[in-house]
């Protein structure tokens, strides 16, 4: 079972806490996963990666979930490449 470690400065929305609780009871609850996915999509990849890793570990044969993870990583790489180009211009 994975739990979310948070610092005092890190705010965790109530809906995310409820989704995590639901997953403790049923790790296949797609409604709860949907909440966590939406939250991950609004986070930097360094924070979101843990959620995506848990997601594909729970649903390893879901191409849809792997695609979400890959797209998040690609978006991160594109942003980094853009920053590097702007700094070297």
Protein backbone atom coordinates (compact mmCIF):
# COMPACT_ATOMS: atom_id res chain seq x y z
CA UNK A 1 0.00 0.00 0.00
CA UNK A 2 1.34 3.39 -0.99
CA UNK A 3 0.60 6.47 1.04
CA UNK A 4 1.17 10.04 0.11
CA UNK A 5 3.94 11.75 2.04
CA UNK A 6 3.33 15.44 2.42
CA UNK A 7 5.24 18.25 3.96
CA UNK A 8 3.53 20.88 6.03
CA UNK A 9 3.71 23.26 3.06
CA UNK A 10 2.11 20.82 0.60
CA UNK A 11 -1.63 21.15 0.29
CA UNK A 12 -3.58 17.99 -0.56
CA UNK A 13 -7.14 18.65 -1.76
CA UNK A 14 -9.89 16.92 0.19
CA UNK A 15 -11.08 15.11 -2.95
CA UNK A 16 -7.61 13.57 -3.32
CA UNK A 17 -7.60 12.44 0.31
CA UNK A 18 -11.02 10.83 -0.21
CA UNK A 19 -9.85 9.13 -3.41
CA UNK A 20 -6.79 7.73 -1.61
CA UNK A 21 -9.07 6.38 1.13
CA UNK A 22 -11.32 4.74 -1.48
CA UNK A 23 -8.27 3.08 -3.04
CA UNK A 24 -7.30 1.63 0.33
CA UNK A 25 -10.67 -0.14 0.33
CA UNK A 26 -10.71 -0.98 -3.39
CA UNK A 27 -7.50 -0.51 -5.39
CA UNK A 28 -9.47 -0.94 -8.64
CA UNK A 29 -11.89 1.97 -8.02
CA UNK A 30 -11.78 3.79 -11.36
CA UNK A 31 -13.64 6.83 -10.04
CA UNK A 32 -10.96 7.31 -7.38
CA UNK A 33 -8.19 6.79 -9.93
CA UNK A 34 -9.82 9.37 -12.21
CA UNK A 35 -9.55 11.96 -9.44
CA UNK A 36 -5.88 11.13 -8.88
CA UNK A 37 -5.16 11.22 -12.61
CA UNK A 38 -6.74 14.66 -12.98
CA UNK A 39 -4.71 15.89 -10.03
CA UNK A 40 -1.51 14.39 -11.50
CA UNK A 41 -2.16 16.08 -14.85
CA UNK A 42 -2.05 19.44 -13.06
CA UNK A 43 1.19 18.72 -11.22
CA UNK A 44 4.85 18.90 -12.30
CA UNK A 45 6.01 15.48 -13.48
CA UNK A 46 8.29 15.12 -10.45
CA UNK A 47 5.20 15.13 -8.21
CA UNK A 48 2.90 13.34 -10.64
CA UNK A 49 5.25 10.48 -11.48
CA UNK A 50 4.44 8.60 -8.27
CA UNK A 51 0.72 8.58 -9.16
CA UNK A 52 1.40 7.40 -12.71
CA UNK A 53 3.73 4.66 -11.43
CA UNK A 54 1.04 3.44 -9.04
CA UNK A 55 -1.56 3.59 -11.80
CA UNK A 56 0.36 1.45 -14.29
CA UNK A 57 1.41 -0.94 -11.54
CA UNK A 58 -2.26 -1.45 -10.63
CA UNK A 59 -3.38 -1.70 -14.28
CA UNK A 60 -0.29 -2.98 -16.14
CA UNK A 61 -2.19 -4.05 -19.26
CA UNK A 62 -4.10 -0.78 -19.69
CA UNK A 63 -2.73 0.92 -22.77
CA UNK A 64 -4.84 3.98 -21.95
CA UNK A 65 -3.11 4.49 -18.60
CA UNK A 66 0.35 3.87 -20.04
CA UNK A 67 -0.45 6.45 -22.72
CA UNK A 68 -1.38 9.04 -20.07
CA UNK A 69 1.92 8.42 -18.29
CA UNK A 70 3.98 8.60 -21.49
CA UNK A 71 2.23 11.80 -22.57
CA UNK A 72 2.97 13.40 -19.19
CA UNK A 73 6.66 12.47 -19.48
CA UNK A 74 6.79 13.74 -23.08
CA UNK A 75 5.21 17.05 -22.08
CA UNK A 76 7.87 17.42 -19.38
CA UNK A 77 10.65 16.73 -21.91
CA UNK A 78 9.19 19.21 -24.40
CA UNK A 79 9.03 21.93 -21.74
CA UNK A 80 12.64 21.24 -20.73
CA UNK A 81 13.82 21.30 -24.35
CA UNK A 82 12.01 24.60 -24.94
CA UNK A 83 13.64 26.12 -21.86
CA UNK A 84 17.09 24.96 -23.01
CA UNK A 85 16.51 26.45 -26.46
CA UNK A 86 15.40 29.76 -24.98
CA UNK A 87 18.40 29.91 -22.65
CA UNK A 88 20.87 29.15 -25.44
CA UNK A 89 19.32 31.62 -27.91
